[in-house]
Amino acid sequence: MAGKSNKTLPPQVLTANQLFDGDVVYWREDGTWAQDLPDAFIFEAGAGIEAALVRAEADVEASKILDPYMFAVSIDEGIIHPSSVRETIRAKGPTVRLDLGKQAA
């Protein structure tokens, strides 16, 4: 039988890329964008996701960001952990030239 699932969504984070320089950014609770995953707002059980995506589309239209989407995370002792390898790489920076990007800091 088709219908809505009773499963609760895992915690989610809204991400995108800045249009100007391509940097990965994360949605903050105040509707601005942060470059660091620890500053991201956590959407619990799907609450507020649709509204945030609509607001993010306004930033796409204003040529601030590209390609906003949600991804699953887990929270362990207050630390956000991406649930996929792709998002782990995006959060840490490029996988080549470890002397460049976020991983060099």
PDB file of N, CA and C in Angstrom:
ATOM      1  N   MET A   1       0.837  -1.177   0.000  1.00  0.00           N
ATOM      2  CA  MET A   1       0.000   0.000   0.000  1.00  0.00           C
ATOM      3  C   MET A   1       0.883   1.242   0.000  1.00  0.00           C
ATOM      4  N   ALA A   2       0.622   2.136  -0.919  1.00  0.00           N
ATOM      5  CA  ALA A   2       1.407   3.370  -1.004  1.00  0.00           C
ATOM      6  C   ALA A   2       0.922   4.352   0.050  1.00  0.00           C
ATOM      7  N   GLY A   3       1.828   5.125   0.528  1.00  0.00           N
ATOM      8  CA  GLY A   3       1.486   6.130   1.530  1.00  0.00           C
ATOM      9  C   GLY A   3       2.726   6.636   2.206  1.00  0.00           C
ATOM     10  N   LYS A   4       2.538   7.496   3.162  1.00  0.00           N
ATOM     11  CA  LYS A   4       3.671   8.055   3.890  1.00  0.00           C
ATOM     12  C   LYS A   4       4.233   7.019   4.845  1.00  0.00           C
ATOM     13  N   SER A   5       5.531   7.038   4.955  1.00  0.00           N
ATOM     14  CA  SER A   5       6.223   6.140   5.866  1.00  0.00           C
ATOM     15  C   SER A   5       6.108   6.665   7.290  1.00  0.00           C
ATOM     16  N   ASN A   6       6.084   5.754   8.229  1.00  0.00           N
ATOM     17  CA  ASN A   6       6.051   6.139   9.635  1.00  0.00           C
ATOM     18  C   ASN A   6       7.450   6.371  10.188  1.00  0.00           C
ATOM     19  N   LYS A   7       8.469   6.133   9.384  1.00  0.00           N
ATOM     20  CA  LYS A   7       9.838   6.328   9.843  1.00  0.00           C
ATOM     21  C   LYS A   7      10.130   7.806  10.038  1.00  0.00           C
ATOM     22  N   THR A   8      10.847   8.105  11.090  1.00  0.00           N
ATOM     23  CA  THR A   8      11.275   9.470  11.359  1.00  0.00           C
ATOM     24  C   THR A   8      12.575   9.715  10.611  1.00  0.00           C
ATOM     25  N   LEU A   9      12.676  10.873   9.987  1.00  0.00           N
ATOM     26  CA  LEU A   9      13.904  11.230   9.292  1.00  0.00           C
ATOM     27  C   LEU A   9      15.037  11.417  10.290  1.00  0.00           C
ATOM     28  N   PRO A  10      16.261  11.070   9.889  1.00  0.00           N
ATOM     29  CA  PRO A  10      17.406  11.366  10.753  1.00  0.00           C
ATOM     30  C   PRO A  10      17.623  12.873  10.772  1.00  0.00           C
ATOM     31  N   PRO A  11      18.421  13.367  11.687  1.00  0.00           N
ATOM     32  CA  PRO A  11      18.754  14.802  11.664  1.00  0.00           C
ATOM     33  C   PRO A  11      19.341  15.161  10.303  1.00  0.00           C
ATOM     34  N   GLN A  12      19.049  16.375   9.850  1.00  0.00           N
ATOM     35  CA  GLN A  12      19.478  16.834   8.527  1.00  0.00           C
ATOM     36  C   GLN A  12      20.171  18.189   8.630  1.00  0.00           C
ATOM     37  N   VAL A  13      21.048  18.453   7.678  1.00  0.00           N
ATOM     38  CA  VAL A  13      21.713  19.752   7.540  1.00  0.00           C
ATOM     39  C   VAL A  13      21.486  20.218   6.107  1.00  0.00           C
ATOM     40  N   LEU A  14      21.249  21.514   5.938  1.00  0.00           N
ATOM     41  CA  LEU A  14      21.098  22.114   4.614  1.00  0.00           C
ATOM     42  C   LEU A  14      22.452  22.638   4.160  1.00  0.00           C
ATOM     43  N   THR A  15      22.857  22.256   2.973  1.00  0.00           N
ATOM     44  CA  THR A  15      24.142  22.672   2.426  1.00  0.00           C
ATOM     45  C   THR A  15      23.975  23.210   1.016  1.00  0.00           C
ATOM     46  N   ALA A  16      24.984  23.906   0.547  1.00  0.00           N
ATOM     47  CA  ALA A  16      25.020  24.450  -0.813  1.00  0.00           C
ATOM     48  C   ALA A  16      26.477  24.815  -1.102  1.00  0.00           C
ATOM     49  N   ASN A  17      26.697  25.421  -2.255  1.00  0.00           N
ATOM     50  CA  ASN A  17      27.998  25.989  -2.585  1.00  0.00           C
ATOM     51  C   ASN A  17      27.811  27.472  -2.842  1.00  0.00           C
ATOM     52  N   GLN A  18      28.752  28.273  -2.351  1.00  0.00           N
ATOM     53  CA  GLN A  18      28.718  29.705  -2.646  1.00  0.00           C
ATOM     54  C   GLN A  18      28.963  29.899  -4.135  1.00  0.00           C
ATOM     55  N   LEU A  19      28.235  30.796  -4.729  1.00  0.00           N
ATOM     56  CA  LEU A  19      28.373  31.036  -6.165  1.00  0.00           C
ATOM     57  C   LEU A  19      29.719  31.672  -6.493  1.00  0.00           C
ATOM     58  N   PHE A  20      30.156  32.612  -5.677  1.00  0.00           N
ATOM     59  CA  PHE A  20      31.365  33.382  -5.984  1.00  0.00           C
ATOM     60  C   PHE A  20      32.624  32.519  -6.038  1.00  0.00           C
ATOM     61  N   ASP A  21      32.820  31.670  -5.022  1.00  0.00           N
ATOM     62  CA  ASP A  21      34.076  30.919  -4.946  1.00  0.00           C
ATOM     63  C   ASP A  21      33.913  29.405  -4.879  1.00  0.00           C
ATOM     64  N   GLY A  22      32.679  28.914  -4.847  1.00  0.00           N
ATOM     65  CA  GLY A  22      32.441  27.477  -4.829  1.00  0.00           C
ATOM     66  C   GLY A  22      32.581  26.824  -3.471  1.00  0.00           C
ATOM     67  N   ASP A  23      32.908  27.600  -2.434  1.00  0.00           N
ATOM     68  CA  ASP A  23      33.062  27.012  -1.103  1.00  0.00           C
ATOM     69  C   ASP A  23      31.767  26.362  -0.634  1.00  0.00           C
ATOM     70  N   VAL A  24      31.924  25.280   0.112  1.00  0.00           N
ATOM     71  CA  VAL A  24      30.791  24.602   0.729  1.00  0.00           C
ATOM     72  C   VAL A  24      30.286  25.474   1.874  1.00  0.00           C
ATOM     73  N   VAL A  25      28.969  25.618   1.972  1.00  0.00           N
ATOM     74  CA  VAL A  25      28.366  26.388   3.057  1.00  0.00           C
ATOM     75  C   VAL A  25      27.210  25.599   3.667  1.00  0.00           C
ATOM     76  N   TYR A  26      26.897  25.957   4.913  1.00  0.00           N
ATOM     77  CA  TYR A  26      25.850  25.283   5.681  1.00  0.00           C
ATOM     78  C   TYR A  26      24.900  26.318   6.259  1.00  0.00           C
ATOM     79  N   TRP A  27      23.635  25.989   6.266  1.00  0.00           N
ATOM     80  CA  TRP A  27      22.566  26.861   6.758  1.00  0.00           C
ATOM     81  C   TRP A  27      22.673  27.047   8.265  1.00  0.00           C
ATOM     82  N   ARG A  28      22.609  28.280   8.692  1.00  0.00           N
ATOM     83  CA  ARG A  28      22.538  28.602  10.119  1.00  0.00           C
ATOM     84  C   ARG A  28      21.079  28.825  10.498  1.00  0.00           C
ATOM     85  N   GLU A  29      20.801  28.777  11.752  1.00  0.00           N
ATOM     86  CA  GLU A  29      19.436  28.971  12.248  1.00  0.00           C
ATOM     87  C   GLU A  29      18.884  30.340  11.859  1.00  0.00           C
ATOM     88  N   ASP A  30      19.758  31.347  11.755  1.00  0.00           N
ATOM     89  CA  ASP A  30      19.297  32.701  11.429  1.00  0.00           C
ATOM     90  C   ASP A  30      19.114  32.925   9.924  1.00  0.00           C
ATOM     91  N   GLY A  31      19.314  31.878   9.122  1.00  0.00           N
ATOM     92  CA  GLY A  31      19.104  31.994   7.684  1.00  0.00           C
ATOM     93  C   GLY A  31      20.317  32.455   6.901  1.00  0.00           C
ATOM     94  N   THR A  32      21.445  32.605   7.568  1.00  0.00           N
ATOM     95  CA  THR A  32      22.692  32.937   6.872  1.00  0.00           C
ATOM     96  C   THR A  32      23.450  31.643   6.616  1.00  0.00           C
ATOM     97  N   TRP A  33      24.574  31.755   5.948  1.00  0.00           N
ATOM     98  CA  TRP A  33      25.362  30.582   5.574  1.00  0.00           C
ATOM     99  C   TRP A  33      26.703  30.594   6.299  1.00  0.00           C
ATOM    100  N   ALA A  34      27.094  29.439   6.831  1.00  0.00           N
ATOM    101  CA  ALA A  34      28.372  29.264   7.524  1.00  0.00           C
ATOM    102  C   ALA A  34      29.285  28.387   6.678  1.00  0.00           C
ATOM    103  N   GLN A  35      30.585  28.590   6.787  1.00  0.00           N
ATOM    104  CA  GLN A  35      31.532  27.753   6.054  1.00  0.00           C
ATOM    105  C   GLN A  35      31.983  26.540   6.858  1.00  0.00           C
ATOM    106  N   ASP A  36      31.588  26.463   8.121  1.00  0.00           N
ATOM    107  CA  ASP A  36      32.020  25.367   8.971  1.00  0.00           C
ATOM    108  C   ASP A  36      30.825  24.537   9.432  1.00  0.00           C
ATOM    109  N   LEU A  37      30.932  23.231   9.281  1.00  0.00           N
ATOM    110  CA  LEU A  37      29.851  22.325   9.649  1.00  0.00           C
ATOM    111  C   LEU A  37      29.406  22.471  11.108  1.00  0.00           C
ATOM    112  N   PRO A  38      30.300  22.690  12.062  1.00  0.00           N
ATOM    113  CA  PRO A  38      29.836  22.845  13.449  1.00  0.00           C
ATOM    114  C   PRO A  38      28.879  24.015  13.658  1.00  0.00           C
ATOM    115  N   ASP A  39      28.858  24.973  12.730  1.00  0.00           N
ATOM    116  CA  ASP A  39      27.960  26.123  12.835  1.00  0.00           C
ATOM    117  C   ASP A  39      26.595  25.878  12.204  1.00  0.00           C
ATOM    118  N   ALA A  40      26.406  24.706  11.597  1.00  0.00           N
ATOM    119  CA  ALA A  40      25.170  24.409  10.873  1.00  0.00           C
ATOM    120  C   ALA A  40      24.006  24.186  11.826  1.00  0.00           C
ATOM    121  N   PHE A  41      22.817  24.546  11.348  1.00  0.00           N
ATOM    122  CA  PHE A  41      21.584  24.267  12.072  1.00  0.00           C
ATOM    123  C   PHE A  41      21.173  22.829  11.785  1.00  0.00           C
ATOM    124  N   ILE A  42      20.750  22.126  12.814  1.00  0.00           N
ATOM    125  CA  ILE A  42      20.318  20.733  12.678  1.00  0.00           C
ATOM    126  C   ILE A  42      18.799  20.696  12.598  1.00  0.00           C
ATOM    127  N   PHE A  43      18.280  20.144  11.527  1.00  0.00           N
ATOM    128  CA  PHE A  43      16.835  19.960  11.373  1.00  0.00           C
ATOM    129  C   PHE A  43      16.477  18.582  11.919  1.00  0.00           C
ATOM    130  N   GLU A  44      15.671  18.559  12.954  1.00  0.00           N
ATOM    131  CA  GLU A  44      15.275  17.306  13.598  1.00  0.00           C
ATOM    132  C   GLU A  44      13.941  16.822  13.047  1.00  0.00           C
ATOM    133  N   ALA A  45      13.840  15.546  12.744  1.00  0.00           N
ATOM    134  CA  ALA A  45      12.599  14.870  12.339  1.00  0.00           C
ATOM    135  C   ALA A  45      11.870  15.579  11.198  1.00  0.00           C
ATOM    136  N   GLY A  46      12.606  16.219  10.326  1.00  0.00           N
ATOM    137  CA  GLY A  46      12.011  16.848   9.159  1.00  0.00           C
ATOM    138  C   GLY A  46      11.377  18.204   9.406  1.00  0.00           C
ATOM    139  N   ALA A  47      11.357  18.662  10.650  1.00  0.00           N
ATOM    140  CA  ALA A  47      10.703  19.932  10.982  1.00  0.00           C
ATOM    141  C   ALA A  47      11.434  21.117  10.353  1.00  0.00           C
ATOM    142  N   GLY A  48      10.708  21.913   9.596  1.00  0.00           N
ATOM    143  CA  GLY A  48      11.259  23.137   9.029  1.00  0.00           C
ATOM    144  C   GLY A  48      12.049  22.968   7.745  1.00  0.00           C
ATOM    145  N   ILE A  49      12.180  21.755   7.268  1.00  0.00           N
ATOM    146  CA  ILE A  49      13.005  21.511   6.080  1.00  0.00           C
ATOM    147  C   ILE A  49      12.437  22.221   4.857  1.00  0.00           C
ATOM    148  N   GLU A  50      11.162  22.060   4.596  1.00  0.00           N
ATOM    149  CA  GLU A  50      10.568  22.670   3.404  1.00  0.00           C
ATOM    150  C   GLU A  50      10.709  24.189   3.422  1.00  0.00           C
ATOM    151  N   ALA A  51      10.462  24.803   4.569  1.00  0.00           N
ATOM    152  CA  ALA A  51      10.581  26.257   4.676  1.00  0.00           C
ATOM    153  C   ALA A  51      12.024  26.712   4.439  1.00  0.00           C
ATOM    154  N   ALA A  52      12.996  25.970   4.965  1.00  0.00           N
ATOM    155  CA  ALA A  52      14.401  26.326   4.769  1.00  0.00           C
ATOM    156  C   ALA A  52      14.803  26.190   3.307  1.00  0.00           C
ATOM    157  N   LEU A  53      14.323  25.150   2.647  1.00  0.00           N
ATOM    158  CA  LEU A  53      14.640  24.981   1.229  1.00  0.00           C
ATOM    159  C   LEU A  53      14.046  26.109   0.384  1.00  0.00           C
ATOM    160  N   VAL A  54      12.858  26.558   0.739  1.00  0.00           N
ATOM    161  CA  VAL A  54      12.252  27.694   0.034  1.00  0.00           C
ATOM    162  C   VAL A  54      13.098  28.955   0.240  1.00  0.00           C
ATOM    163  N   ARG A  55      13.532  29.187   1.481  1.00  0.00           N
ATOM    164  CA  ARG A  55      14.378  30.359   1.749  1.00  0.00           C
ATOM    165  C   ARG A  55      15.720  30.239   1.033  1.00  0.00           C
ATOM    166  N   ALA A  56      16.265  29.032   0.957  1.00  0.00           N
ATOM    167  CA  ALA A  56      17.531  28.830   0.253  1.00  0.00           C
ATOM    168  C   ALA A  56      17.377  29.109  -1.237  1.00  0.00           C
ATOM    169  N   GLU A  57      16.234  28.761  -1.801  1.00  0.00           N
ATOM    170  CA  GLU A  57      15.994  29.046  -3.221  1.00  0.00           C
ATOM    171  C   GLU A  57      16.018  30.548  -3.500  1.00  0.00           C
ATOM    172  N   ALA A  58      15.621  31.343  -2.511  1.00  0.00           N
ATOM    173  CA  ALA A  58      15.711  32.800  -2.669  1.00  0.00           C
ATOM    174  C   ALA A  58      17.172  33.224  -2.799  1.00  0.00           C
ATOM    175  N   ASP A  59      18.080  32.552  -2.086  1.00  0.00           N
ATOM    176  CA  ASP A  59      19.507  32.848  -2.212  1.00  0.00           C
ATOM    177  C   ASP A  59      20.057  32.373  -3.554  1.00  0.00           C
ATOM    178  N   VAL A  60      19.477  31.300  -4.103  1.00  0.00           N
ATOM    179  CA  VAL A  60      19.854  30.867  -5.454  1.00  0.00           C
ATOM    180  C   VAL A  60      19.450  31.953  -6.448  1.00  0.00           C
ATOM    181  N   GLU A  61      18.228  32.429  -6.323  1.00  0.00           N
ATOM    182  CA  GLU A  61      17.728  33.479  -7.221  1.00  0.00           C
ATOM    183  C   GLU A  61      18.538  34.770  -7.093  1.00  0.00           C
ATOM    184  N   ALA A  62      19.061  35.031  -5.896  1.00  0.00           N
ATOM    185  CA  ALA A  62      19.870  36.230  -5.659  1.00  0.00           C
ATOM    186  C   ALA A  62      21.344  36.014  -6.023  1.00  0.00           C
ATOM    187  N   SER A  63      21.661  34.858  -6.631  1.00  0.00           N
ATOM    188  CA  SER A  63      23.022  34.518  -7.065  1.00  0.00           C
ATOM    189  C   SER A  63      24.027  34.494  -5.921  1.00  0.00           C
ATOM    190  N   LYS A  64      23.598  33.992  -4.760  1.00  0.00           N
ATOM    191  CA  LYS A  64      24.504  33.844  -3.625  1.00  0.00           C
ATOM    192  C   LYS A  64      25.035  32.418  -3.521  1.00  0.00           C
ATOM    193  N   ILE A  65      24.167  31.441  -3.799  1.00  0.00           N
ATOM    194  CA  ILE A  65      24.537  30.029  -3.657  1.00  0.00           C
ATOM    195  C   ILE A  65      24.046  29.226  -4.852  1.00  0.00           C
ATOM    196  N   LEU A  66      24.516  27.980  -4.921  1.00  0.00           N
ATOM    197  CA  LEU A  66      24.087  27.023  -5.939  1.00  0.00           C
ATOM    198  C   LEU A  66      23.672  25.718  -5.266  1.00  0.00           C
ATOM    199  N   ASP A  67      22.689  25.057  -5.821  1.00  0.00           N
ATOM    200  CA  ASP A  67      22.386  23.659  -5.533  1.00  0.00           C
ATOM    201  C   ASP A  67      22.169  23.326  -4.053  1.00  0.00           C
ATOM    202  N   PRO A  68      21.265  24.007  -3.364  1.00  0.00           N
ATOM    203  CA  PRO A  68      21.023  23.657  -1.960  1.00  0.00           C
ATOM    204  C   PRO A  68      20.318  22.309  -1.820  1.00  0.00           C
ATOM    205  N   TYR A  69      20.708  21.537  -0.816  1.00  0.00           N
ATOM    206  CA  TYR A  69      20.060  20.257  -0.540  1.00  0.00           C
ATOM    207  C   TYR A  69      20.331  19.853   0.902  1.00  0.00           C
ATOM    208  N   MET A  70      19.543  18.922   1.383  1.00  0.00           N
ATOM    209  CA  MET A  70      19.682  18.390   2.737  1.00  0.00           C
ATOM    210  C   MET A  70      20.515  17.106   2.705  1.00  0.00           C
ATOM    211  N   PHE A  71      21.227  16.859   3.793  1.00  0.00           N
ATOM    212  CA  PHE A  71      21.897  15.571   3.948  1.00  0.00           C
ATOM    213  C   PHE A  71      21.795  15.125   5.396  1.00  0.00           C
ATOM    214  N   ALA A  72      21.845  13.819   5.582  1.00  0.00           N
ATOM    215  CA  ALA A  72      21.685  13.222   6.906  1.00  0.00           C
ATOM    216  C   ALA A  72      22.966  13.347   7.720  1.00  0.00           C
ATOM    217  N   VAL A  73      22.792  13.554   9.017  1.00  0.00           N
ATOM    218  CA  VAL A  73      23.915  13.616   9.945  1.00  0.00           C
ATOM    219  C   VAL A  73      23.565  12.816  11.202  1.00  0.00           C
ATOM    220  N   SER A  74      24.580  12.548  11.980  1.00  0.00           N
ATOM    221  CA  SER A  74      24.368  12.030  13.329  1.00  0.00           C
ATOM    222  C   SER A  74      25.050  13.005  14.280  1.00  0.00           C
ATOM    223  N   ILE A  75      24.583  13.024  15.506  1.00  0.00           N
ATOM    224  CA  ILE A  75      25.140  13.917  16.519  1.00  0.00           C
ATOM    225  C   ILE A  75      25.679  13.047  17.643  1.00  0.00           C
ATOM    226  N   ASP A  76      26.961  13.214  17.947  1.00  0.00           N
ATOM    227  CA  ASP A  76      27.590  12.443  19.012  1.00  0.00           C
ATOM    228  C   ASP A  76      28.289  13.415  19.956  1.00  0.00           C
ATOM    229  N   GLU A  77      27.771  13.518  21.171  1.00  0.00           N
ATOM    230  CA  GLU A  77      28.304  14.435  22.181  1.00  0.00           C
ATOM    231  C   GLU A  77      28.418  15.854  21.642  1.00  0.00           C
ATOM    232  N   GLY A  78      27.380  16.276  20.911  1.00  0.00           N
ATOM    233  CA  GLY A  78      27.326  17.636  20.388  1.00  0.00           C
ATOM    234  C   GLY A  78      28.108  17.873  19.116  1.00  0.00           C
ATOM    235  N   ILE A  79      28.740  16.852  18.581  1.00  0.00           N
ATOM    236  CA  ILE A  79      29.531  16.984  17.359  1.00  0.00           C
ATOM    237  C   ILE A  79      28.733  16.423  16.188  1.00  0.00           C
ATOM    238  N   ILE A  80      28.672  17.206  15.106  1.00  0.00           N
ATOM    239  CA  ILE A  80      27.940  16.797  13.910  1.00  0.00           C
ATOM    240  C   ILE A  80      28.838  15.898  13.061  1.00  0.00           C
ATOM    241  N   HIS A  81      28.302  14.739  12.685  1.00  0.00           N
ATOM    242  CA  HIS A  81      29.023  13.803  11.816  1.00  0.00           C
ATOM    243  C   HIS A  81      28.179  13.535  10.578  1.00  0.00           C
ATOM    244  N   PRO A  82      28.673  13.874   9.376  1.00  0.00           N
ATOM    245  CA  PRO A  82      27.930  13.548   8.160  1.00  0.00           C
ATOM    246  C   PRO A  82      27.743  12.038   8.051  1.00  0.00           C
ATOM    247  N   SER A  83      26.607  11.622   7.502  1.00  0.00           N
ATOM    248  CA  SER A  83      26.306  10.201   7.371  1.00  0.00           C
ATOM    249  C   SER A  83      26.834   9.600   6.078  1.00  0.00           C
ATOM    250  N   SER A  84      27.450  10.414   5.231  1.00  0.00           N
ATOM    251  CA  SER A  84      27.996   9.882   3.976  1.00  0.00           C
ATOM    252  C   SER A  84      29.446  10.331   3.807  1.00  0.00           C
ATOM    253  N   VAL A  85      30.183   9.545   3.050  1.00  0.00           N
ATOM    254  CA  VAL A  85      31.576   9.876   2.756  1.00  0.00           C
ATOM    255  C   VAL A  85      31.638  11.180   1.957  1.00  0.00           C
ATOM    256  N   ARG A  86      30.723  11.347   1.036  1.00  0.00           N
ATOM    257  CA  ARG A  86      30.704  12.565   0.213  1.00  0.00           C
ATOM    258  C   ARG A  86      30.639  13.816   1.074  1.00  0.00           C
ATOM    259  N   GLU A  87      29.734  13.834   2.031  1.00  0.00           N
ATOM    260  CA  GLU A  87      29.578  15.018   2.874  1.00  0.00           C
ATOM    261  C   GLU A  87      30.743  15.181   3.851  1.00  0.00           C
ATOM    262  N   THR A  88      31.355  14.089   4.256  1.00  0.00           N
ATOM    263  CA  THR A  88      32.556  14.173   5.093  1.00  0.00           C
ATOM    264  C   THR A  88      33.669  14.864   4.314  1.00  0.00           C
ATOM    265  N   ILE A  89      33.840  14.479   3.053  1.00  0.00           N
ATOM    266  CA  ILE A  89      34.862  15.105   2.207  1.00  0.00           C
ATOM    267  C   ILE A  89      34.531  16.575   1.982  1.00  0.00           C
ATOM    268  N   ARG A  90      33.272  16.898   1.691  1.00  0.00           N
ATOM    269  CA  ARG A  90      32.890  18.296   1.462  1.00  0.00           C
ATOM    270  C   ARG A  90      33.158  19.139   2.709  1.00  0.00           C
ATOM    271  N   ALA A  91      32.947  18.572   3.895  1.00  0.00           N
ATOM    272  CA  ALA A  91      33.151  19.313   5.144  1.00  0.00           C
ATOM    273  C   ALA A  91      34.627  19.559   5.430  1.00  0.00           C
ATOM    274  N   LYS A  92      35.475  18.617   5.036  1.00  0.00           N
ATOM    275  CA  LYS A  92      36.904  18.721   5.357  1.00  0.00           C
ATOM    276  C   LYS A  92      37.717  19.422   4.289  1.00  0.00           C
ATOM    277  N   GLY A  93      37.221  19.470   3.076  1.00  0.00           N
ATOM    278  CA  GLY A  93      37.957  20.108   1.997  1.00  0.00           C
ATOM    279  C   GLY A  93      38.508  19.092   1.019  1.00  0.00           C
ATOM    280  N   PRO A  94      39.266  19.549   0.040  1.00  0.00           N
ATOM    281  CA  PRO A  94      39.783  18.675  -1.012  1.00  0.00           C
ATOM    282  C   PRO A  94      40.596  17.508  -0.451  1.00  0.00           C
ATOM    283  N   THR A  95      40.630  16.417  -1.220  1.00  0.00           N
ATOM    284  CA  THR A  95      41.381  15.237  -0.790  1.00  0.00           C
ATOM    285  C   THR A  95      42.781  15.200  -1.378  1.00  0.00           C
ATOM    286  N   VAL A  96      43.155  16.232  -2.099  1.00  0.00           N
ATOM    287  CA  VAL A  96      44.508  16.354  -2.635  1.00  0.00           C
ATOM    288  C   VAL A  96      45.127  17.631  -2.084  1.00  0.00           C
ATOM    289  N   ARG A  97      46.407  17.718  -2.115  1.00  0.00           N
ATOM    290  CA  ARG A  97      47.107  18.912  -1.627  1.00  0.00           C
ATOM    291  C   ARG A  97      46.638  19.279  -0.226  1.00  0.00           C
ATOM    292  N   LEU A  98      46.991  18.469   0.728  1.00  0.00           N
ATOM    293  CA  LEU A  98      46.572  18.674   2.106  1.00  0.00           C
ATOM    294  C   LEU A  98      47.097  19.970   2.706  1.00  0.00           C
ATOM    295  N   ASP A  99      47.980  20.650   1.979  1.00  0.00           N
ATOM    296  CA  ASP A  99      48.476  21.938   2.453  1.00  0.00           C
ATOM    297  C   ASP A  99      47.559  23.079   2.025  1.00  0.00           C
ATOM    298  N   LEU A 100      46.470  22.774   1.312  1.00  0.00           N
ATOM    299  CA  LEU A 100      45.511  23.773   0.855  1.00  0.00           C
ATOM    300  C   LEU A 100      44.126  23.489   1.431  1.00  0.00           C
ATOM    301  N   GLY A 101      43.257  24.459   1.387  1.00  0.00           N
ATOM    302  CA  GLY A 101      41.861  24.264   1.781  1.00  0.00           C
ATOM    303  C   GLY A 101      41.671  24.203   3.292  1.00  0.00           C
ATOM    304  N   LYS A 102      40.489  23.769   3.698  1.00  0.00           N
ATOM    305  CA  LYS A 102      40.125  23.722   5.104  1.00  0.00           C
ATOM    306  C   LYS A 102      41.040  22.834   5.929  1.00  0.00           C
ATOM    307  N   GLN A 103      41.516  21.745   5.314  1.00  0.00           N
ATOM    308  CA  GLN A 103      42.339  20.799   6.062  1.00  0.00           C
ATOM    309  C   GLN A 103      43.705  21.357   6.425  1.00  0.00           C
ATOM    310  N   ALA A 104      44.136  22.446   5.770  1.00  0.00           N
ATOM    311  CA  ALA A 104      45.441  23.045   6.058  1.00  0.00           C
ATOM    312  C   ALA A 104      45.389  23.960   7.283  1.00  0.00           C
ATOM    313  N   ALA A 105      44.217  24.390   7.638  1.00  0.00           N
ATOM    314  CA  ALA A 105      44.096  25.356   8.747  1.00  0.00           C
ATOM    315  C   ALA A 105      44.404  24.749  10.094  1.00  0.00           C
TER     316      ALA A 105
END
